[in-house]
């Protein structure tokens, strides 16, 4: 997760580790998904949101396979972040066909 975040967002080891740690700890606290998504949308550029899709797919592929459920969750996130279907598909296709469902 850390290396995927570091690669796609061009962050230092420490910064990427902090982002990953925050993401994992927020999930366990039951953070409001809608508010988190809206705040992320408001504080990022379109290019940063597209790179975020790349990071999500890279993290999902961390075990060597991106499941249908993971793809659909990333699709939902891309819609909430107001990315186009093409932007979602472009990010998805960066994962080799044999490593993903569909």
Protein backbone atom coordinates (compact mmCIF):
# COMPACT_ATOMS: atom_id res chain seq x y z
CA UNK A 1 0.00 0.00 0.00
CA UNK A 2 2.78 2.40 0.94
CA UNK A 3 4.77 1.78 -2.23
CA UNK A 4 1.66 2.21 -4.42
CA UNK A 5 0.86 5.51 -2.75
CA UNK A 6 4.46 6.63 -2.96
CA UNK A 7 4.72 5.74 -6.66
CA UNK A 8 1.48 7.31 -7.84
CA UNK A 9 1.60 10.45 -5.69
CA UNK A 10 5.36 10.93 -5.76
CA UNK A 11 5.63 11.06 -1.95
CA UNK A 12 8.55 10.32 0.33
CA UNK A 13 8.59 7.06 2.31
CA UNK A 14 7.47 8.89 5.42
CA UNK A 15 4.66 10.79 3.69
CA UNK A 16 3.33 7.66 2.00
CA UNK A 17 3.46 5.72 5.26
CA UNK A 18 1.50 8.48 6.99
CA UNK A 19 -1.17 8.47 4.28
CA UNK A 20 -1.48 4.67 4.48
CA UNK A 21 -1.61 4.70 8.28
CA UNK A 22 -4.28 7.40 8.24
CA UNK A 23 -6.35 5.50 5.68
CA UNK A 24 -6.25 2.30 7.69
CA UNK A 25 -7.04 4.00 10.99
CA UNK A 26 -9.93 5.98 9.50
CA UNK A 27 -11.60 2.83 8.24
CA UNK A 28 -11.67 1.38 11.72
CA UNK A 29 -13.19 4.55 13.18
CA UNK A 30 -16.13 4.46 10.77
CA UNK A 31 -15.44 7.87 9.23
CA UNK A 32 -18.26 9.35 7.19
CA UNK A 33 -17.48 8.15 3.66
CA UNK A 34 -19.45 10.94 1.99
CA UNK A 35 -17.73 13.74 3.93
CA UNK A 36 -14.31 12.22 3.41
CA UNK A 37 -14.93 11.93 -0.34
CA UNK A 38 -16.28 15.46 -0.64
CA UNK A 39 -13.36 16.94 1.29
CA UNK A 40 -10.88 14.96 -0.81
CA UNK A 41 -12.61 16.18 -4.00
CA UNK A 42 -12.53 19.80 -2.84
CA UNK A 43 -8.86 19.73 -1.88
CA UNK A 44 -7.42 17.96 -4.94
CA UNK A 45 -7.03 18.67 -8.62
CA UNK A 46 -8.49 16.44 -11.30
CA UNK A 47 -5.00 15.15 -12.08
CA UNK A 48 -4.47 14.22 -8.43
CA UNK A 49 -7.80 12.38 -8.37
CA UNK A 50 -6.84 10.46 -11.52
CA UNK A 51 -3.52 9.48 -9.89
CA UNK A 52 -5.52 8.44 -6.82
CA UNK A 53 -7.44 5.97 -9.03
CA UNK A 54 -4.09 4.56 -10.15
CA UNK A 55 -3.08 4.21 -6.50
CA UNK A 56 -6.34 2.47 -5.58
CA UNK A 57 -5.90 -0.08 -8.36
CA UNK A 58 -2.25 -0.61 -7.40
CA UNK A 59 -3.24 -1.23 -3.77
CA UNK A 60 -6.06 -3.56 -4.85
CA UNK A 61 -3.53 -5.46 -6.97
CA UNK A 62 -1.15 -5.79 -4.02
CA UNK A 63 -2.06 -9.47 -3.68
CA UNK A 64 -1.68 -10.03 -7.42
CA UNK A 65 -5.38 -9.88 -8.30
CA UNK A 66 -8.08 -7.19 -8.37
CA UNK A 67 -11.47 -8.74 -7.65
CA UNK A 68 -14.80 -7.71 -9.14
CA UNK A 69 -15.82 -6.28 -5.75
CA UNK A 70 -12.65 -4.17 -5.57
CA UNK A 71 -13.18 -2.89 -9.10
CA UNK A 72 -16.77 -1.92 -8.33
CA UNK A 73 -15.76 -0.13 -5.12
CA UNK A 74 -13.12 1.84 -7.04
CA UNK A 75 -15.77 2.62 -9.70
CA UNK A 76 -18.02 4.05 -6.96
CA UNK A 77 -15.16 6.15 -5.61
CA UNK A 78 -14.37 7.45 -9.10
CA UNK A 79 -18.00 8.56 -9.54
CA UNK A 80 -18.05 10.30 -6.15
CA UNK A 81 -14.85 12.09 -7.17
CA UNK A 82 -16.56 13.17 -10.42
CA UNK A 83 -14.13 11.41 -12.70
CA UNK A 84 -15.27 10.26 -16.11
CA UNK A 85 -15.92 6.66 -17.04
CA UNK A 86 -12.96 6.87 -19.43
CA UNK A 87 -10.67 8.02 -16.61
CA UNK A 88 -11.83 5.07 -14.51
CA UNK A 89 -11.30 2.61 -17.38
CA UNK A 90 -7.85 4.06 -18.17
CA UNK A 91 -6.80 3.48 -14.55
CA UNK A 92 -8.29 -0.03 -14.55
CA UNK A 93 -6.48 -0.99 -17.75
CA UNK A 94 -3.11 -0.20 -16.14
CA UNK A 95 -3.59 -3.48 -14.27
CA UNK A 96 -2.74 -6.42 -16.56
CA UNK A 97 -5.83 -8.37 -17.72
CA UNK A 98 -4.68 -11.56 -15.99
CA UNK A 99 -4.52 -9.67 -12.67
CA UNK A 100 -8.11 -8.43 -12.70
CA UNK A 101 -11.66 -9.64 -12.93
CA UNK A 102 -13.56 -8.76 -16.15
